Amino acid sequence: MTATGDVPTAFDPGADSYDALVGANPGYNEHLRLSAQRMNLPNGGRGLRLLDAGCGTGLSTAALLAVAPEAEIVAVDGSAGMLAQARKKNWPDSVSFVHSYIERIAEAGVHGPFDGIFAAYLIRNVNDADAQLRAFRELLKPGGHLRCMNTRCATPGRPPHCGISWPPRSSSRPASSAPATPSCTGICAAA
């Protein structure tokens, strides 16, 4: 079994207590919400199709839904236990859940293009982060947004979370002129 294959199934045994565990961290849900907001999705997401990559129990899905209540959201996770918890929650018809390793979503019937991709706490769990970022780029519509977030050890003056935005938020270039492929190397900036 690959390392990637081990990661999703490792979440299964604790899936029923995952929300309570991360809820004990006062910043967890706030960081998800802020990161979803930073995707700058227009018009409450009206007419947009979004991918929540590595949705887990649906906490990241809820953060996306809060900023884009009118979007279609396809939420994918490789852990059957985490998805079972997500599906127990009350969701609008515009939210669907798919059980698949993120590297194999096409085999599960998930295809782009997407207007935005949100990947919270996912990139650290894939075998090849750069390959996954390239795969996400292929799933995006021209001008689409990719938002990856993760946590790190906090140090004075640095927030305890890290985000990758594509196209880069600091770029004045339109998405169509931004680099064709995002990379994990050297683009981790304060979320």
N, C-alpha and C. Protein backbone atom coordinates (compact mmCIF):
# COMPACT_ATOMS: atom_id res chain seq x y z
N MET A 1 0.85 -1.18 0.00
CA MET A 1 0.00 0.00 0.00
C MET A 1 0.89 1.24 0.00
N THR A 2 0.49 2.25 -0.74
CA THR A 2 1.28 3.49 -0.80
C THR A 2 1.03 4.32 0.44
N ALA A 3 1.90 5.29 0.67
CA ALA A 3 1.70 6.20 1.80
C ALA A 3 0.37 6.91 1.67
N THR A 4 0.02 7.33 0.46
CA THR A 4 -1.25 8.01 0.25
C THR A 4 -2.40 7.10 0.64
N GLY A 5 -2.32 5.83 0.27
CA GLY A 5 -3.38 4.89 0.61
C GLY A 5 -3.53 4.71 2.11
N ASP A 6 -2.43 4.79 2.84
CA ASP A 6 -2.48 4.65 4.28
C ASP A 6 -3.15 5.84 4.96
N VAL A 7 -2.96 7.03 4.44
CA VAL A 7 -3.44 8.23 5.11
C VAL A 7 -4.96 8.27 5.22
N PRO A 8 -5.72 8.16 4.14
CA PRO A 8 -7.18 8.24 4.29
C PRO A 8 -7.76 7.20 5.24
N THR A 9 -7.30 5.97 5.14
CA THR A 9 -7.85 4.93 6.01
C THR A 9 -7.44 5.13 7.47
N ALA A 10 -6.34 5.82 7.71
CA ALA A 10 -5.92 6.11 9.08
C ALA A 10 -6.92 7.03 9.79
N PHE A 11 -7.70 7.79 9.04
CA PHE A 11 -8.70 8.67 9.63
C PHE A 11 -9.98 7.93 10.01
N ASP A 12 -10.21 6.76 9.45
CA ASP A 12 -11.46 6.03 9.68
C ASP A 12 -11.75 5.75 11.16
N PRO A 13 -10.81 5.20 11.93
CA PRO A 13 -11.14 4.84 13.32
C PRO A 13 -11.58 6.02 14.20
N GLY A 14 -11.04 7.21 13.95
CA GLY A 14 -11.38 8.36 14.78
C GLY A 14 -12.40 9.30 14.17
N ALA A 15 -13.01 8.89 13.07
CA ALA A 15 -13.90 9.79 12.35
C ALA A 15 -15.07 10.27 13.19
N ASP A 16 -15.61 9.40 14.04
CA ASP A 16 -16.80 9.79 14.81
C ASP A 16 -16.48 10.83 15.88
N SER A 17 -15.22 11.01 16.25
CA SER A 17 -14.87 12.02 17.25
C SER A 17 -14.03 13.16 16.66
N TYR A 18 -13.83 13.16 15.36
CA TYR A 18 -12.95 14.14 14.72
C TYR A 18 -13.43 15.58 14.95
N ASP A 19 -14.71 15.84 14.73
CA ASP A 19 -15.22 17.21 14.88
C ASP A 19 -15.03 17.72 16.30
N ALA A 20 -15.26 16.86 17.30
CA ALA A 20 -15.07 17.27 18.69
C ALA A 20 -13.59 17.56 18.97
N LEU A 21 -12.73 16.73 18.41
CA LEU A 21 -11.29 16.91 18.62
C LEU A 21 -10.81 18.23 18.03
N VAL A 22 -11.11 18.49 16.77
CA VAL A 22 -10.63 19.74 16.17
C VAL A 22 -11.40 20.94 16.70
N GLY A 23 -12.63 20.72 17.18
CA GLY A 23 -13.40 21.80 17.79
C GLY A 23 -12.76 22.31 19.07
N ALA A 24 -11.92 21.49 19.70
CA ALA A 24 -11.21 21.93 20.90
C ALA A 24 -10.13 22.96 20.57
N ASN A 25 -9.75 23.04 19.31
CA ASN A 25 -8.80 24.05 18.85
C ASN A 25 -9.61 25.27 18.46
N PRO A 26 -9.52 26.35 19.23
CA PRO A 26 -10.38 27.51 18.96
C PRO A 26 -10.17 28.15 17.59
N GLY A 27 -9.04 27.92 16.96
CA GLY A 27 -8.80 28.55 15.66
C GLY A 27 -9.11 27.70 14.46
N TYR A 28 -9.39 26.42 14.65
CA TYR A 28 -9.53 25.50 13.52
C TYR A 28 -10.61 25.94 12.54
N ASN A 29 -11.82 26.09 13.00
CA ASN A 29 -12.92 26.47 12.10
C ASN A 29 -12.75 27.89 11.58
N GLU A 30 -12.18 28.76 12.40
CA GLU A 30 -11.93 30.14 11.96
C GLU A 30 -10.92 30.17 10.81
N HIS A 31 -9.88 29.37 10.90
CA HIS A 31 -8.89 29.32 9.81
C HIS A 31 -9.51 28.78 8.53
N LEU A 32 -10.37 27.78 8.65
CA LEU A 32 -11.08 27.28 7.46
C LEU A 32 -11.92 28.38 6.83
N ARG A 33 -12.67 29.09 7.68
CA ARG A 33 -13.54 30.15 7.17
C ARG A 33 -12.74 31.25 6.50
N LEU A 34 -11.66 31.69 7.14
CA LEU A 34 -10.84 32.76 6.55
C LEU A 34 -10.21 32.32 5.24
N SER A 35 -9.75 31.10 5.19
CA SER A 35 -9.14 30.61 3.96
C SER A 35 -10.17 30.53 2.84
N ALA A 36 -11.37 30.05 3.15
CA ALA A 36 -12.43 30.01 2.14
C ALA A 36 -12.79 31.42 1.68
N GLN A 37 -12.84 32.37 2.60
CA GLN A 37 -13.13 33.77 2.24
C GLN A 37 -12.09 34.31 1.27
N ARG A 38 -10.84 33.93 1.47
CA ARG A 38 -9.75 34.45 0.65
C ARG A 38 -9.77 33.93 -0.78
N MET A 39 -10.70 33.04 -1.08
CA MET A 39 -10.88 32.62 -2.48
C MET A 39 -11.59 33.72 -3.26
N ASN A 40 -12.20 34.68 -2.55
CA ASN A 40 -12.88 35.81 -3.17
C ASN A 40 -13.90 35.37 -4.22
N LEU A 41 -14.76 34.45 -3.82
CA LEU A 41 -15.79 33.94 -4.73
C LEU A 41 -16.91 34.96 -4.85
N PRO A 42 -17.26 35.37 -6.06
CA PRO A 42 -18.25 36.43 -6.24
C PRO A 42 -19.70 35.94 -6.09
N ASN A 43 -20.58 36.88 -5.81
CA ASN A 43 -22.03 36.68 -5.84
C ASN A 43 -22.52 35.49 -5.04
N GLY A 44 -21.93 35.25 -3.88
CA GLY A 44 -22.36 34.13 -3.06
C GLY A 44 -22.16 32.79 -3.74
N GLY A 45 -21.31 32.77 -4.77
CA GLY A 45 -21.04 31.53 -5.48
C GLY A 45 -22.06 31.19 -6.55
N ARG A 46 -22.98 32.09 -6.81
CA ARG A 46 -24.03 31.82 -7.81
C ARG A 46 -23.41 31.42 -9.14
N GLY A 47 -23.80 30.25 -9.64
CA GLY A 47 -23.31 29.76 -10.92
C GLY A 47 -21.93 29.12 -10.89
N LEU A 48 -21.32 29.04 -9.71
CA LEU A 48 -19.98 28.47 -9.61
C LEU A 48 -20.02 27.00 -9.24
N ARG A 49 -19.02 26.28 -9.70
CA ARG A 49 -18.83 24.87 -9.36
C ARG A 49 -17.51 24.76 -8.62
N LEU A 50 -17.55 24.25 -7.39
CA LEU A 50 -16.38 24.21 -6.53
C LEU A 50 -16.05 22.78 -6.12
N LEU A 51 -14.77 22.50 -5.94
CA LEU A 51 -14.30 21.21 -5.46
C LEU A 51 -13.71 21.40 -4.07
N ASP A 52 -14.22 20.64 -3.11
CA ASP A 52 -13.63 20.59 -1.77
C ASP A 52 -12.82 19.31 -1.72
N ALA A 53 -11.53 19.43 -1.91
CA ALA A 53 -10.62 18.29 -2.01
C ALA A 53 -10.12 17.90 -0.62
N GLY A 54 -10.46 16.70 -0.18
CA GLY A 54 -10.10 16.26 1.16
C GLY A 54 -11.05 16.83 2.18
N CYS A 55 -12.34 16.68 1.94
CA CYS A 55 -13.38 17.34 2.75
C CYS A 55 -13.52 16.77 4.15
N GLY A 56 -13.02 15.58 4.41
CA GLY A 56 -13.13 15.00 5.74
C GLY A 56 -14.57 14.89 6.20
N THR A 57 -14.84 15.40 7.39
CA THR A 57 -16.18 15.33 7.97
C THR A 57 -17.09 16.47 7.50
N GLY A 58 -16.60 17.27 6.58
CA GLY A 58 -17.41 18.35 6.03
C GLY A 58 -17.17 19.71 6.65
N LEU A 59 -16.20 19.84 7.53
CA LEU A 59 -15.94 21.16 8.12
C LEU A 59 -15.47 22.14 7.06
N SER A 60 -14.61 21.71 6.16
CA SER A 60 -14.16 22.60 5.08
C SER A 60 -15.30 22.85 4.10
N THR A 61 -16.17 21.87 3.91
CA THR A 61 -17.33 22.05 3.04
C THR A 61 -18.24 23.13 3.63
N ALA A 62 -18.43 23.09 4.94
CA ALA A 62 -19.26 24.10 5.60
C ALA A 62 -18.64 25.49 5.46
N ALA A 63 -17.32 25.58 5.54
CA ALA A 63 -16.65 26.87 5.36
C ALA A 63 -16.87 27.39 3.95
N LEU A 64 -16.76 26.52 2.95
CA LEU A 64 -17.03 26.92 1.56
C LEU A 64 -18.48 27.35 1.39
N LEU A 65 -19.38 26.57 1.96
CA LEU A 65 -20.81 26.87 1.84
C LEU A 65 -21.15 28.21 2.48
N ALA A 66 -20.46 28.54 3.56
CA ALA A 66 -20.71 29.82 4.24
C ALA A 66 -20.36 31.01 3.35
N VAL A 67 -19.32 30.89 2.53
CA VAL A 67 -18.91 32.00 1.67
C VAL A 67 -19.50 31.91 0.27
N ALA A 68 -19.99 30.74 -0.09
CA ALA A 68 -20.57 30.54 -1.43
C ALA A 68 -21.84 29.68 -1.33
N PRO A 69 -22.87 30.21 -0.65
CA PRO A 69 -24.07 29.41 -0.40
C PRO A 69 -24.84 29.03 -1.66
N GLU A 70 -24.56 29.69 -2.77
CA GLU A 70 -25.29 29.39 -4.01
C GLU A 70 -24.47 28.57 -5.00
N ALA A 71 -23.30 28.13 -4.59
CA ALA A 71 -22.43 27.34 -5.47
C ALA A 71 -22.79 25.86 -5.43
N GLU A 72 -22.44 25.16 -6.48
CA GLU A 72 -22.47 23.69 -6.47
C GLU A 72 -21.13 23.26 -5.88
N ILE A 73 -21.16 22.42 -4.86
CA ILE A 73 -19.93 21.97 -4.20
C ILE A 73 -19.83 20.46 -4.30
N VAL A 74 -18.74 19.99 -4.88
CA VAL A 74 -18.43 18.56 -4.94
C VAL A 74 -17.34 18.33 -3.90
N ALA A 75 -17.66 17.56 -2.86
CA ALA A 75 -16.74 17.32 -1.75
C ALA A 75 -16.22 15.89 -1.83
N VAL A 76 -14.90 15.74 -1.84
CA VAL A 76 -14.26 14.44 -2.05
C VAL A 76 -13.34 14.11 -0.88
N ASP A 77 -13.38 12.85 -0.43
CA ASP A 77 -12.43 12.40 0.58
C ASP A 77 -12.17 10.91 0.40
N GLY A 78 -10.97 10.48 0.77
CA GLY A 78 -10.58 9.08 0.66
C GLY A 78 -10.93 8.25 1.86
N SER A 79 -11.38 8.88 2.95
CA SER A 79 -11.74 8.15 4.16
C SER A 79 -13.24 7.90 4.19
N ALA A 80 -13.62 6.63 4.15
CA ALA A 80 -15.05 6.29 4.21
C ALA A 80 -15.66 6.73 5.54
N GLY A 81 -14.90 6.61 6.63
CA GLY A 81 -15.41 7.01 7.93
C GLY A 81 -15.66 8.50 8.03
N MET A 82 -14.74 9.29 7.52
CA MET A 82 -14.91 10.75 7.55
C MET A 82 -16.10 11.16 6.69
N LEU A 83 -16.23 10.56 5.51
CA LEU A 83 -17.37 10.88 4.64
C LEU A 83 -18.68 10.48 5.28
N ALA A 84 -18.71 9.36 5.99
CA ALA A 84 -19.94 8.95 6.67
C ALA A 84 -20.37 10.02 7.67
N GLN A 85 -19.41 10.60 8.38
CA GLN A 85 -19.73 11.68 9.31
C GLN A 85 -20.22 12.92 8.57
N ALA A 86 -19.59 13.25 7.47
CA ALA A 86 -20.01 14.41 6.68
C ALA A 86 -21.44 14.24 6.19
N ARG A 87 -21.76 13.06 5.70
CA ARG A 87 -23.09 12.81 5.13
C ARG A 87 -24.19 12.85 6.18
N LYS A 88 -23.86 12.69 7.44
CA LYS A 88 -24.87 12.74 8.52
C LYS A 88 -25.37 14.16 8.75
N LYS A 89 -24.63 15.14 8.29
CA LYS A 89 -24.98 16.54 8.52
C LYS A 89 -26.02 16.99 7.51
N ASN A 90 -26.67 18.09 7.82
CA ASN A 90 -27.72 18.64 6.97
C ASN A 90 -27.09 19.52 5.89
N TRP A 91 -27.24 19.12 4.63
CA TRP A 91 -26.64 19.84 3.51
C TRP A 91 -27.71 20.19 2.48
N PRO A 92 -27.54 21.31 1.79
CA PRO A 92 -28.45 21.60 0.67
C PRO A 92 -28.17 20.65 -0.49
N ASP A 93 -29.11 20.57 -1.41
CA ASP A 93 -28.97 19.69 -2.57
C ASP A 93 -27.77 20.04 -3.45
N SER A 94 -27.25 21.25 -3.31
CA SER A 94 -26.12 21.69 -4.13
C SER A 94 -24.78 21.10 -3.68
N VAL A 95 -24.78 20.36 -2.57
CA VAL A 95 -23.56 19.74 -2.05
C VAL A 95 -23.64 18.23 -2.26
N SER A 96 -22.59 17.67 -2.87
CA SER A 96 -22.52 16.22 -3.05
C SER A 96 -21.19 15.71 -2.51
N PHE A 97 -21.20 14.47 -2.04
CA PHE A 97 -20.00 13.85 -1.47
C PHE A 97 -19.60 12.64 -2.30
N VAL A 98 -18.30 12.51 -2.52
CA VAL A 98 -17.75 11.41 -3.32
C VAL A 98 -16.61 10.77 -2.54
N HIS A 99 -16.64 9.44 -2.44
CA HIS A 99 -15.56 8.70 -1.78
C HIS A 99 -14.50 8.35 -2.82
N SER A 100 -13.33 8.96 -2.69
CA SER A 100 -12.23 8.69 -3.61
C SER A 100 -10.96 9.30 -3.05
N TYR A 101 -9.83 8.63 -3.30
CA TYR A 101 -8.55 9.28 -3.08
C TYR A 101 -8.50 10.44 -4.07
N ILE A 102 -7.94 11.55 -3.65
CA ILE A 102 -7.93 12.74 -4.49
C ILE A 102 -7.17 12.50 -5.79
N GLU A 103 -6.17 11.63 -5.76
CA GLU A 103 -5.40 11.34 -6.97
C GLU A 103 -6.21 10.54 -7.99
N ARG A 104 -7.35 10.00 -7.57
CA ARG A 104 -8.13 9.12 -8.45
C ARG A 104 -9.56 9.61 -8.67
N ILE A 105 -9.79 10.89 -8.54
CA ILE A 105 -11.17 11.37 -8.61
C ILE A 105 -11.81 11.16 -9.97
N ALA A 106 -11.03 11.18 -11.03
CA ALA A 106 -11.62 10.94 -12.36
C ALA A 106 -12.22 9.54 -12.42
N GLU A 107 -11.56 8.57 -11.80
CA GLU A 107 -12.08 7.20 -11.76
C GLU A 107 -13.39 7.12 -10.99
N ALA A 108 -13.61 8.07 -10.08
CA ALA A 108 -14.84 8.11 -9.28
C ALA A 108 -15.92 8.97 -9.95
N GLY A 109 -15.64 9.45 -11.15
CA GLY A 109 -16.63 10.24 -11.89
C GLY A 109 -16.59 11.73 -11.63
N VAL A 110 -15.55 12.21 -10.97
CA VAL A 110 -15.42 13.65 -10.69
C VAL A 110 -14.51 14.25 -11.75
N HIS A 111 -15.07 15.17 -12.51
CA HIS A 111 -14.33 15.81 -13.60
C HIS A 111 -14.53 17.33 -13.53
N GLY A 112 -13.54 18.06 -13.98
CA GLY A 112 -13.64 19.51 -14.08
C GLY A 112 -14.46 19.88 -15.28
N PRO A 113 -14.54 21.14 -15.56
CA PRO A 113 -13.77 22.17 -14.87
C PRO A 113 -14.49 22.69 -13.63
N PHE A 114 -13.68 23.23 -12.72
CA PHE A 114 -14.18 23.85 -11.50
C PHE A 114 -13.79 25.32 -11.50
N ASP A 115 -14.64 26.14 -10.92
CA ASP A 115 -14.33 27.56 -10.77
C ASP A 115 -13.37 27.78 -9.61
N GLY A 116 -13.37 26.86 -8.66
CA GLY A 116 -12.48 26.97 -7.52
C GLY A 116 -12.26 25.61 -6.89
N ILE A 117 -11.08 25.45 -6.31
CA ILE A 117 -10.74 24.23 -5.58
C ILE A 117 -10.21 24.65 -4.21
N PHE A 118 -10.79 24.06 -3.18
CA PHE A 118 -10.39 24.31 -1.80
C PHE A 118 -9.81 23.01 -1.26
N ALA A 119 -8.57 23.05 -0.80
CA ALA A 119 -7.91 21.85 -0.28
C ALA A 119 -7.31 22.18 1.09
N ALA A 120 -8.10 21.96 2.12
CA ALA A 120 -7.66 22.25 3.49
C ALA A 120 -7.01 21.01 4.10
N TYR A 121 -5.80 21.17 4.55
CA TYR A 121 -5.07 20.10 5.24
C TYR A 121 -4.89 18.86 4.37
N LEU A 122 -4.83 19.02 3.07
CA LEU A 122 -4.73 17.88 2.16
C LEU A 122 -3.32 17.68 1.60
N ILE A 123 -2.71 18.73 1.12
CA ILE A 123 -1.46 18.61 0.37
C ILE A 123 -0.39 17.86 1.15
N ARG A 124 -0.36 18.02 2.46
CA ARG A 124 0.64 17.30 3.27
C ARG A 124 0.41 15.79 3.26
N ASN A 125 -0.77 15.35 2.83
CA ASN A 125 -1.12 13.94 2.88
C ASN A 125 -1.03 13.22 1.54
N VAL A 126 -0.53 13.87 0.51
CA VAL A 126 -0.40 13.21 -0.78
C VAL A 126 1.08 12.87 -1.02
N ASN A 127 1.31 11.87 -1.85
CA ASN A 127 2.69 11.44 -2.12
C ASN A 127 3.51 12.50 -2.84
N ASP A 128 2.92 13.17 -3.81
CA ASP A 128 3.65 14.13 -4.63
C ASP A 128 2.83 15.42 -4.70
N ALA A 129 3.17 16.35 -3.82
CA ALA A 129 2.40 17.60 -3.73
C ALA A 129 2.41 18.38 -5.04
N ASP A 130 3.56 18.47 -5.68
CA ASP A 130 3.63 19.23 -6.93
C ASP A 130 2.77 18.58 -8.02
N ALA A 131 2.79 17.27 -8.09
CA ALA A 131 1.94 16.58 -9.08
C ALA A 131 0.47 16.83 -8.79
N GLN A 132 0.10 16.85 -7.50
CA GLN A 132 -1.30 17.09 -7.16
C GLN A 132 -1.70 18.52 -7.50
N LEU A 133 -0.81 19.47 -7.26
CA LEU A 133 -1.11 20.86 -7.63
C LEU A 133 -1.28 20.99 -9.15
N ARG A 134 -0.46 20.30 -9.90
CA ARG A 134 -0.62 20.32 -11.37
C ARG A 134 -1.96 19.71 -11.76
N ALA A 135 -2.34 18.62 -11.10
CA ALA A 135 -3.64 17.99 -11.38
C ALA A 135 -4.78 18.94 -11.05
N PHE A 136 -4.67 19.66 -9.94
CA PHE A 136 -5.70 20.65 -9.61
C PHE A 136 -5.78 21.72 -10.69
N ARG A 137 -4.63 22.18 -11.17
CA ARG A 137 -4.61 23.21 -12.21
C ARG A 137 -5.37 22.74 -13.44
N GLU A 138 -5.22 21.48 -13.79
CA GLU A 138 -5.93 20.93 -14.95
C GLU A 138 -7.44 20.88 -14.74
N LEU A 139 -7.87 20.84 -13.49
CA LEU A 139 -9.30 20.78 -13.18
C LEU A 139 -9.95 22.17 -13.13
N LEU A 140 -9.13 23.22 -13.09
CA LEU A 140 -9.65 24.58 -12.98
C LEU A 140 -10.05 25.16 -14.33
N LYS A 141 -11.13 25.93 -14.31
CA LYS A 141 -11.48 26.74 -15.47
C LYS A 141 -10.44 27.85 -15.60
N PRO A 142 -10.27 28.41 -16.79
CA PRO A 142 -9.40 29.59 -16.90
C PRO A 142 -9.90 30.67 -15.93
N GLY A 143 -9.00 31.22 -15.15
CA GLY A 143 -9.36 32.22 -14.16
C GLY A 143 -9.84 31.62 -12.84
N GLY A 144 -9.88 30.29 -12.74
CA GLY A 144 -10.31 29.63 -11.51
C GLY A 144 -9.29 29.81 -10.40
N HIS A 145 -9.74 29.55 -9.18
CA HIS A 145 -8.89 29.76 -8.01
C HIS A 145 -8.64 28.47 -7.26
N LEU A 146 -7.40 28.27 -6.86
CA LEU A 146 -7.00 27.15 -6.02
C LEU A 146 -6.59 27.72 -4.67
N ARG A 147 -7.13 27.15 -3.62
CA ARG A 147 -6.75 27.58 -2.26
C ARG A 147 -6.42 26.34 -1.45
N CYS A 148 -5.15 26.22 -1.06
CA CYS A 148 -4.70 25.14 -0.19
C CYS A 148 -4.32 25.75 1.14
N MET A 149 -4.67 25.10 2.22
CA MET A 149 -4.25 25.60 3.53
C MET A 149 -3.74 24.45 4.37
N ASN A 150 -2.92 24.80 5.33
CA ASN A 150 -2.30 23.82 6.21
C ASN A 150 -1.94 24.52 7.50
N THR A 151 -1.59 23.77 8.51
CA THR A 151 -1.10 24.36 9.75
C THR A 151 0.40 24.14 9.83
N ARG A 152 1.03 24.92 10.66
CA ARG A 152 2.45 24.74 10.92
C ARG A 152 2.69 25.17 12.35
N CYS A 153 3.87 24.91 12.85
CA CYS A 153 4.20 25.35 14.20
C CYS A 153 4.27 26.87 14.20
N ALA A 154 3.57 27.48 15.12
CA ALA A 154 3.55 28.94 15.20
C ALA A 154 4.86 29.44 15.79
N THR A 155 5.34 30.52 15.23
CA THR A 155 6.49 31.22 15.78
C THR A 155 6.09 32.68 15.90
N PRO A 156 6.72 33.42 16.79
CA PRO A 156 6.34 34.83 16.93
C PRO A 156 6.35 35.56 15.59
N GLY A 157 5.29 36.26 15.33
CA GLY A 157 5.18 37.04 14.10
C GLY A 157 4.67 36.26 12.90
N ARG A 158 4.45 34.96 13.04
CA ARG A 158 3.94 34.14 11.93
C ARG A 158 2.67 33.44 12.38
N PRO A 159 1.64 33.49 11.56
CA PRO A 159 0.40 32.80 11.95
C PRO A 159 0.60 31.29 11.92
N PRO A 160 -0.22 30.55 12.68
CA PRO A 160 -0.05 29.10 12.74
C PRO A 160 -0.67 28.36 11.57
N HIS A 161 -1.00 29.07 10.52
CA HIS A 161 -1.55 28.41 9.34
C HIS A 161 -0.84 28.95 8.11
N CYS A 162 -0.92 28.21 7.06
CA CYS A 162 -0.20 28.53 5.84
C CYS A 162 -1.16 28.33 4.69
N GLY A 163 -1.11 29.19 3.72
CA GLY A 163 -1.99 29.05 2.58
C GLY A 163 -1.27 29.20 1.27
N ILE A 164 -1.74 28.49 0.30
CA ILE A 164 -1.26 28.63 -1.07
C ILE A 164 -2.45 29.09 -1.89
N SER A 165 -2.30 30.19 -2.58
CA SER A 165 -3.36 30.68 -3.45
C SER A 165 -2.85 30.67 -4.88
N TRP A 166 -3.70 30.26 -5.80
CA TRP A 166 -3.36 30.32 -7.21
C TRP A 166 -4.57 30.83 -7.96
N PRO A 167 -4.49 31.85 -8.77
CA PRO A 167 -3.26 32.59 -9.01
C PRO A 167 -2.81 33.31 -7.74
N PRO A 168 -1.51 33.63 -7.65
CA PRO A 168 -1.00 34.27 -6.44
C PRO A 168 -1.76 35.55 -6.13
N ARG A 169 -2.15 35.71 -4.86
CA ARG A 169 -2.90 36.90 -4.45
C ARG A 169 -2.07 38.15 -4.67
N SER A 170 -0.76 38.05 -4.54
CA SER A 170 0.10 39.22 -4.70
C SER A 170 0.33 39.59 -6.16
N SER A 171 -0.12 38.74 -7.05
CA SER A 171 0.11 38.97 -8.47
C SER A 171 -0.91 39.95 -9.01
N SER A 172 -0.45 40.90 -9.79
CA SER A 172 -1.37 41.82 -10.46
C SER A 172 -1.80 41.27 -11.81
N ARG A 173 -1.21 40.11 -12.18
CA ARG A 173 -1.55 39.49 -13.46
C ARG A 173 -2.90 38.79 -13.36
N PRO A 174 -3.67 38.82 -14.42
CA PRO A 174 -4.89 38.01 -14.42
C PRO A 174 -4.52 36.53 -14.40
N ALA A 175 -5.46 35.70 -13.99
CA ALA A 175 -5.19 34.26 -13.88
C ALA A 175 -4.67 33.68 -15.19
N SER A 176 -5.14 34.20 -16.30
CA SER A 176 -4.72 33.65 -17.58
C SER A 176 -3.24 33.88 -17.86
N SER A 177 -2.62 34.88 -17.19
CA SER A 177 -1.20 35.12 -17.43
C SER A 177 -0.34 34.68 -16.25
N ALA A 178 -0.95 34.10 -15.22
CA ALA A 178 -0.19 33.58 -14.09
C ALA A 178 0.52 32.31 -14.54
N PRO A 179 1.53 31.88 -13.79
CA PRO A 179 2.23 30.65 -14.19
C PRO A 179 1.24 29.51 -14.43
N ALA A 180 1.51 28.72 -15.44
CA ALA A 180 0.58 27.66 -15.83
C ALA A 180 0.45 26.58 -14.78
N THR A 181 1.46 26.41 -13.97
CA THR A 181 1.41 25.34 -12.98
C THR A 181 1.83 25.88 -11.62
N PRO A 182 0.96 25.78 -10.62
CA PRO A 182 1.38 26.15 -9.28
C PRO A 182 2.39 25.13 -8.77
N SER A 183 3.20 25.53 -7.84
CA SER A 183 4.19 24.63 -7.26
C SER A 183 4.18 24.78 -5.76
N CYS A 184 4.43 23.71 -5.07
CA CYS A 184 4.50 23.73 -3.62
C CYS A 184 5.80 24.36 -3.14
N THR A 185 6.81 24.36 -3.97
CA THR A 185 8.13 24.82 -3.57
C THR A 185 8.18 26.33 -3.52
N GLY A 186 8.34 26.86 -2.33
CA GLY A 186 8.59 28.28 -2.17
C GLY A 186 7.39 29.19 -2.30
N ILE A 187 6.17 28.69 -2.31
CA ILE A 187 5.04 29.60 -2.43
C ILE A 187 4.15 29.58 -1.20
N CYS A 188 4.61 29.00 -0.14
CA CYS A 188 3.82 28.97 1.08
C CYS A 188 3.95 30.33 1.75
N ALA A 189 2.85 31.03 1.84
CA ALA A 189 2.85 32.36 2.44
C ALA A 189 1.76 32.43 3.49
N ALA A 190 1.84 33.41 4.33
CA ALA A 190 0.82 33.55 5.38
C ALA A 190 -0.56 33.59 4.76
N ALA A 191 -1.44 32.79 5.31
CA ALA A 191 -2.80 32.73 4.78
C ALA A 191 -3.54 33.94 5.21
